[in-house]
Amino acid sequence: MHSWDLARATGQDETLDPERCAAMLAGMQSWDAVLRSSGQYGPKVDVPGDADAQTKLIAFIGRDPLSNP
């Protein structure tokens, strides 16, 4: 996820491994309340239901993957 942040901030390729994104998202979803209460993650960003795993993961952690950098 930090790789995505850095790539976005510097105009580089933001593509993450889709299988790793799907696995991370699956593992994090059950910890939603705990993660949000830590203050390290912002509110989830809404994305289309058919979005790819990377888009869903980035949105889950509170970043807007659909905005222009």
Protein backbone atom coordinates (compact mmCIF):
# COMPACT_ATOMS: atom_id res chain seq x y z
CA MET A 1 0.00 0.00 0.00
CA HIS A 2 2.90 2.35 0.69
CA SER A 3 4.22 1.44 -2.75
CA TRP A 4 0.94 2.68 -4.22
CA ASP A 5 1.20 5.95 -2.25
CA LEU A 6 4.76 6.56 -3.39
CA ALA A 7 4.05 5.66 -7.00
CA ARG A 8 0.98 7.92 -7.04
CA ALA A 9 2.89 10.82 -5.49
CA THR A 10 5.78 10.54 -7.93
CA GLY A 11 3.83 9.80 -11.11
CA GLN A 12 5.07 6.21 -11.46
CA ASP A 13 3.27 2.96 -12.22
CA GLU A 14 0.81 2.29 -9.38
CA THR A 15 0.09 -1.32 -10.30
CA LEU A 16 0.22 -3.76 -7.39
CA ASP A 17 0.08 -7.56 -7.51
CA PRO A 18 -3.63 -8.44 -7.89
CA GLU A 19 -3.42 -11.68 -5.91
CA ARG A 20 -1.66 -9.98 -3.01
CA CYS A 21 -4.22 -7.14 -3.07
CA ALA A 22 -7.09 -9.64 -2.94
CA ALA A 23 -5.47 -11.56 -0.08
CA MET A 24 -4.74 -8.40 1.91
CA LEU A 25 -8.25 -7.09 1.44
CA ALA A 26 -9.78 -10.41 2.49
CA GLY A 27 -7.64 -10.48 5.61
CA MET A 28 -8.28 -6.87 6.56
CA GLN A 29 -12.05 -6.74 6.10
CA SER A 30 -12.84 -8.64 9.28
CA TRP A 31 -10.63 -6.18 11.19
CA ASP A 32 -12.41 -3.11 9.82
CA ALA A 33 -13.46 -1.60 13.16
CA VAL A 34 -10.08 -2.24 14.78
CA LEU A 35 -8.18 -0.75 11.87
CA ARG A 36 -10.36 2.37 11.75
CA SER A 37 -10.12 2.90 15.51
CA SER A 38 -6.30 2.85 15.27
CA GLY A 39 -6.41 6.19 13.46
CA GLN A 40 -4.08 4.86 10.77
CA TYR A 41 -6.82 4.39 8.18
CA GLY A 42 -9.34 6.89 6.91
CA PRO A 43 -12.96 6.16 6.09
CA LYS A 44 -13.54 3.71 3.26
CA VAL A 45 -13.97 5.29 -0.16
CA ASP A 46 -16.86 4.06 -2.29
CA VAL A 47 -15.86 2.32 -5.51
CA PRO A 48 -17.94 0.29 -7.97
CA GLY A 49 -18.69 -3.28 -6.88
CA ASP A 50 -16.98 -4.65 -9.96
CA ALA A 51 -13.72 -2.77 -9.26
CA ASP A 52 -10.51 -4.79 -9.29
CA ALA A 53 -8.84 -5.98 -6.08
CA GLN A 54 -6.27 -3.18 -6.05
CA THR A 55 -8.92 -0.48 -6.37
CA LYS A 56 -10.99 -2.08 -3.60
CA LEU A 57 -7.96 -2.42 -1.30
CA ILE A 58 -6.82 1.16 -1.79
CA ALA A 59 -10.38 2.39 -1.21
CA PHE A 60 -10.71 0.20 1.88
CA ILE A 61 -7.71 1.85 3.51
CA GLY A 62 -9.14 5.30 2.89
CA ARG A 63 -7.38 6.42 -0.28
CA ASP A 64 -9.28 7.49 -3.39
CA PRO A 65 -7.91 5.31 -6.18
CA LEU A 66 -10.22 6.86 -8.77
CA SER A 67 -9.09 10.46 -8.29
CA ASN A 68 -6.49 12.02 -10.52
CA PRO A 69 -3.15 12.43 -8.76
